[in-house]
Protein backbone atom coordinates (compact mmCIF):
# COMPACT_ATOMS: atom_id res chain seq x y z
CA MET A 1 22.86 -93.90 -13.63
CA SER A 2 22.01 -95.28 -10.20
CA SER A 3 20.99 -93.14 -7.26
CA ASN A 4 23.45 -92.30 -4.50
CA ILE A 5 20.55 -92.13 -2.04
CA ARG A 6 19.78 -95.38 -0.16
CA ALA A 7 16.94 -94.10 2.03
CA MET A 8 15.53 -91.12 3.88
CA ILE A 9 14.79 -91.13 7.58
CA ALA A 10 12.34 -88.73 9.19
CA ASN A 11 13.81 -86.89 12.17
CA VAL A 12 11.34 -86.61 15.05
CA GLU A 13 11.95 -84.64 18.23
CA VAL A 14 10.29 -86.28 21.24
CA GLU A 15 10.27 -85.44 24.93
CA ASN A 16 10.61 -89.05 26.13
CA LEU A 17 12.10 -91.85 24.02
CA ASP A 18 10.67 -94.62 26.19
CA ALA A 19 7.16 -93.23 25.79
CA ALA A 20 7.50 -92.54 22.05
CA ILE A 21 9.13 -95.76 20.84
CA PRO A 22 6.04 -98.04 21.09
CA PHE A 23 3.96 -95.71 18.88
CA TYR A 24 6.64 -95.38 16.19
CA ARG A 25 7.32 -99.11 16.30
CA GLU A 26 3.59 -99.70 15.74
CA LEU A 27 3.74 -97.39 12.71
CA ALA A 28 6.91 -98.95 11.30
CA GLY A 29 5.95 -102.55 11.94
CA ASP A 30 7.90 -105.15 13.84
CA VAL A 31 11.31 -103.51 13.39
CA GLU A 32 14.42 -103.62 15.52
CA VAL A 33 14.85 -100.52 17.67
CA ARG A 34 18.42 -99.26 17.86
CA ARG A 35 19.14 -96.81 20.68
CA PHE A 36 22.37 -94.84 20.86
CA PRO A 37 23.74 -91.57 22.25
CA TYR A 38 25.05 -88.66 20.20
CA GLN A 39 26.78 -85.99 22.26
CA GLU A 40 24.13 -84.93 24.83
CA LEU A 41 21.22 -86.43 22.89
CA GLU A 42 19.58 -89.84 23.15
CA LEU A 43 18.48 -91.31 19.82
CA ALA A 44 16.45 -94.29 18.69
CA LEU A 45 16.21 -95.56 15.12
CA VAL A 46 12.79 -97.11 14.64
CA GLY A 47 12.37 -98.19 11.03
CA PRO A 48 12.21 -94.97 8.96
CA PHE A 49 12.04 -92.72 12.05
CA LEU A 50 14.98 -91.27 13.95
CA LEU A 51 13.67 -90.19 17.34
CA TYR A 52 15.78 -87.84 19.38
CA SER A 53 15.50 -86.34 22.82
CA GLY A 54 17.64 -84.13 25.02
CA PRO A 55 18.92 -80.56 25.22
CA LEU A 56 18.33 -79.40 21.65
CA ASP A 57 19.36 -75.75 22.03
CA ASN A 58 22.83 -76.47 20.61
CA TYR A 59 21.55 -78.29 17.51
CA VAL A 60 20.13 -77.13 14.20
CA SER A 61 16.74 -78.65 13.39
CA GLN A 62 17.00 -80.99 10.41
CA THR A 63 14.34 -81.93 7.89
CA ALA A 64 15.55 -85.51 7.47
CA THR A 65 18.54 -87.82 7.43
CA VAL A 66 19.53 -88.99 3.96
CA LEU A 67 21.46 -92.28 3.81
CA VAL A 68 23.91 -92.26 0.90
CA ASP A 69 26.47 -94.57 -0.66
CA SER A 70 29.01 -91.75 -0.98
CA LEU A 71 29.38 -88.49 0.91
CA ASP A 72 31.88 -87.36 -1.73
CA SER A 73 29.09 -87.15 -4.34
CA VAL A 74 26.91 -85.22 -1.88
CA LEU A 75 29.70 -82.78 -1.00
CA ASP A 76 30.33 -82.19 -4.70
CA ALA A 77 26.64 -81.49 -5.42
CA LEU A 78 26.31 -79.26 -2.34
CA GLY A 79 29.37 -77.27 -3.37
CA LYS A 80 28.10 -76.76 -6.92
CA ALA A 81 24.75 -75.54 -5.58
CA GLY A 82 26.30 -73.10 -3.11
CA ALA A 83 24.97 -74.94 -0.05
CA GLU A 84 26.35 -74.13 3.40
CA LEU A 85 28.14 -76.94 5.21
CA LEU A 86 27.05 -76.62 8.85
CA GLU A 87 28.98 -79.66 10.11
CA GLU A 88 32.06 -81.03 8.40
CA PRO A 89 32.34 -84.82 7.86
CA ASN A 90 32.68 -86.55 11.21
CA GLU A 91 32.50 -90.07 12.54
CA VAL A 92 29.39 -91.00 14.54
CA PRO A 93 28.16 -94.35 15.89
CA ASN A 94 26.50 -95.31 12.57
CA GLY A 95 29.05 -94.02 10.04
CA THR A 96 30.20 -90.66 8.70
CA ARG A 97 27.87 -87.65 8.60
CA ILE A 98 27.59 -84.07 7.50
CA VAL A 99 24.89 -81.45 8.00
CA ALA A 100 24.17 -78.93 5.26
CA ARG A 101 21.81 -76.02 4.64
CA HIS A 102 20.52 -76.17 1.08
CA PRO A 103 20.22 -72.99 -0.98
CA ASP A 104 16.45 -73.00 -0.24
CA GLY A 105 17.16 -72.89 3.51
CA SER A 106 16.24 -76.49 4.36
CA VAL A 107 18.71 -78.43 6.52
CA PHE A 108 19.54 -82.08 5.94
CA GLU A 109 21.86 -84.54 7.59
CA TYR A 110 23.65 -86.83 5.13
CA MET A 111 24.96 -90.13 6.47
CA GLN A 112 27.27 -92.64 4.81
CA PRO A 113 26.67 -95.76 6.93
CA ARG A 114 29.49 -98.11 7.83
CA SER A 115 29.70 -101.06 5.49
């Protein structure tokens, strides 16, 4: 059986993306930095780090972003475990995402990237 999980990305809240990106790029190596907006937030994907900045009062803090091959498998597992779906599947710049609170209280974003 192969894993549905492709990768995990650490979510990091920063005050200033421009100031934070050089440090995280140094940590990640010579990686491409992808900047993009999401609602009122500004985000930057720097290797395994997802930096975000902006008015965070309207957002639930997330432990990490989990990149998966199939959100259907995740939704099935979350349902069986009694997890709480905080955000239904929705299209975002990088693919389709959900946000769920696990039975232990931790919150994860699950992302099925565009092919």
